[in-house]
Amino acid sequence: MHVHVQGQNGEAKFWLEPTIELAQCVGFSRREINDTPRLVQDYENDIRNAWLKHFPR
């Protein structure tokens, strides 16, 4: 399970399992990439629910 995060300057991919971890990043500044995991964590339940709705098991 993963999520793509897009911003004005770039894009990142984060794995959600087993823990939130950066998979790849293009274009984000060091500060943006350091702040993004917190954003993913804040919305983790919403992201997981959307993933499961899109990819039913």
C-alpha atoms as a PDB file:
ATOM      1  CA  MET A   1       0.000   0.000   0.000  1.00  0.00           C
ATOM      2  CA  HIS A   2       1.428   3.382  -1.002  1.00  0.00           C
ATOM      3  CA  VAL A   3       0.452   6.960  -1.716  1.00  0.00           C
ATOM      4  CA  HIS A   4       1.739   9.550  -4.167  1.00  0.00           C
ATOM      5  CA  VAL A   5       2.060  13.118  -2.898  1.00  0.00           C
ATOM      6  CA  GLN A   6       2.181  15.910  -5.462  1.00  0.00           C
ATOM      7  CA  GLY A   7       3.115  19.528  -4.902  1.00  0.00           C
ATOM      8  CA  GLN A   8       3.998  22.529  -7.016  1.00  0.00           C
ATOM      9  CA  ASN A   9       7.658  21.549  -7.131  1.00  0.00           C
ATOM     10  CA  GLY A  10       7.631  17.779  -7.245  1.00  0.00           C
ATOM     11  CA  GLU A  11       6.232  14.410  -6.363  1.00  0.00           C
ATOM     12  CA  ALA A  12       6.964  11.743  -3.763  1.00  0.00           C
ATOM     13  CA  LYS A  13       5.854   8.177  -3.174  1.00  0.00           C
ATOM     14  CA  PHE A  14       5.453   6.820   0.350  1.00  0.00           C
ATOM     15  CA  TRP A  15       4.977   3.222   1.430  1.00  0.00           C
ATOM     16  CA  LEU A  16       2.337   2.897   4.142  1.00  0.00           C
ATOM     17  CA  GLU A  17       3.267  -0.600   5.262  1.00  0.00           C
ATOM     18  CA  PRO A  18       4.821  -1.770   7.411  1.00  0.00           C
ATOM     19  CA  THR A  19       5.519   1.876   8.350  1.00  0.00           C
ATOM     20  CA  ILE A  20       5.298   5.198   6.524  1.00  0.00           C
ATOM     21  CA  GLU A  21       8.538   5.392   4.542  1.00  0.00           C
ATOM     22  CA  LEU A  22       9.731   7.451   1.592  1.00  0.00           C
ATOM     23  CA  ALA A  23      10.047   5.307  -1.531  1.00  0.00           C
ATOM     24  CA  GLN A  24      11.089   8.004  -4.014  1.00  0.00           C
ATOM     25  CA  CYS A  25      11.073  11.747  -4.435  1.00  0.00           C
ATOM     26  CA  VAL A  26      11.587  14.113  -7.363  1.00  0.00           C
ATOM     27  CA  GLY A  27      11.715  17.899  -7.181  1.00  0.00           C
ATOM     28  CA  PHE A  28      10.820  18.555  -3.545  1.00  0.00           C
ATOM     29  CA  SER A  29      13.145  20.620  -1.380  1.00  0.00           C
ATOM     30  CA  ARG A  30      14.706  19.014   1.701  1.00  0.00           C
ATOM     31  CA  ARG A  31      12.200  20.901   3.885  1.00  0.00           C
ATOM     32  CA  GLU A  32       9.210  19.754   1.816  1.00  0.00           C
ATOM     33  CA  ILE A  33      10.312  16.143   1.910  1.00  0.00           C
ATOM     34  CA  ASN A  34      10.884  16.352   5.679  1.00  0.00           C
ATOM     35  CA  ASP A  35       7.392  17.822   6.245  1.00  0.00           C
ATOM     36  CA  THR A  36       5.522  15.422   3.944  1.00  0.00           C
ATOM     37  CA  PRO A  37       5.638  12.265   6.130  1.00  0.00           C
ATOM     38  CA  ARG A  38       3.788  14.188   8.853  1.00  0.00           C
ATOM     39  CA  LEU A  39       1.094  15.079   6.335  1.00  0.00           C
ATOM     40  CA  VAL A  40       0.791  11.449   5.257  1.00  0.00           C
ATOM     41  CA  GLN A  41       0.609  10.375   8.902  1.00  0.00           C
ATOM     42  CA  ASP A  42      -2.090  12.959   9.683  1.00  0.00           C
ATOM     43  CA  TYR A  43      -4.272  11.582   6.866  1.00  0.00           C
ATOM     44  CA  GLU A  44      -3.205   7.940   7.084  1.00  0.00           C
ATOM     45  CA  ASN A  45      -6.688   6.604   7.925  1.00  0.00           C
ATOM     46  CA  ASP A  46      -8.291   8.532   5.054  1.00  0.00           C
ATOM     47  CA  ILE A  47      -5.581   7.347   2.659  1.00  0.00           C
ATOM     48  CA  ARG A  48      -5.987   3.713   3.731  1.00  0.00           C
ATOM     49  CA  ASN A  49      -9.778   3.892   3.393  1.00  0.00           C
ATOM     50  CA  ALA A  50      -9.493   5.404  -0.097  1.00  0.00           C
ATOM     51  CA  TRP A  51      -6.958   2.729  -1.089  1.00  0.00           C
ATOM     52  CA  LEU A  52      -9.219  -0.087   0.102  1.00  0.00           C
ATOM     53  CA  LYS A  53     -12.206   1.428  -1.682  1.00  0.00           C
ATOM     54  CA  HIS A  54     -10.198   1.681  -4.928  1.00  0.00           C
ATOM     55  CA  PHE A  55      -8.529  -1.750  -4.548  1.00  0.00           C
ATOM     56  CA  PRO A  56     -11.037  -3.971  -2.703  1.00  0.00           C
ATOM     57  CA  ARG A  57      -9.596  -7.112  -1.180  1.00  0.00           C
END
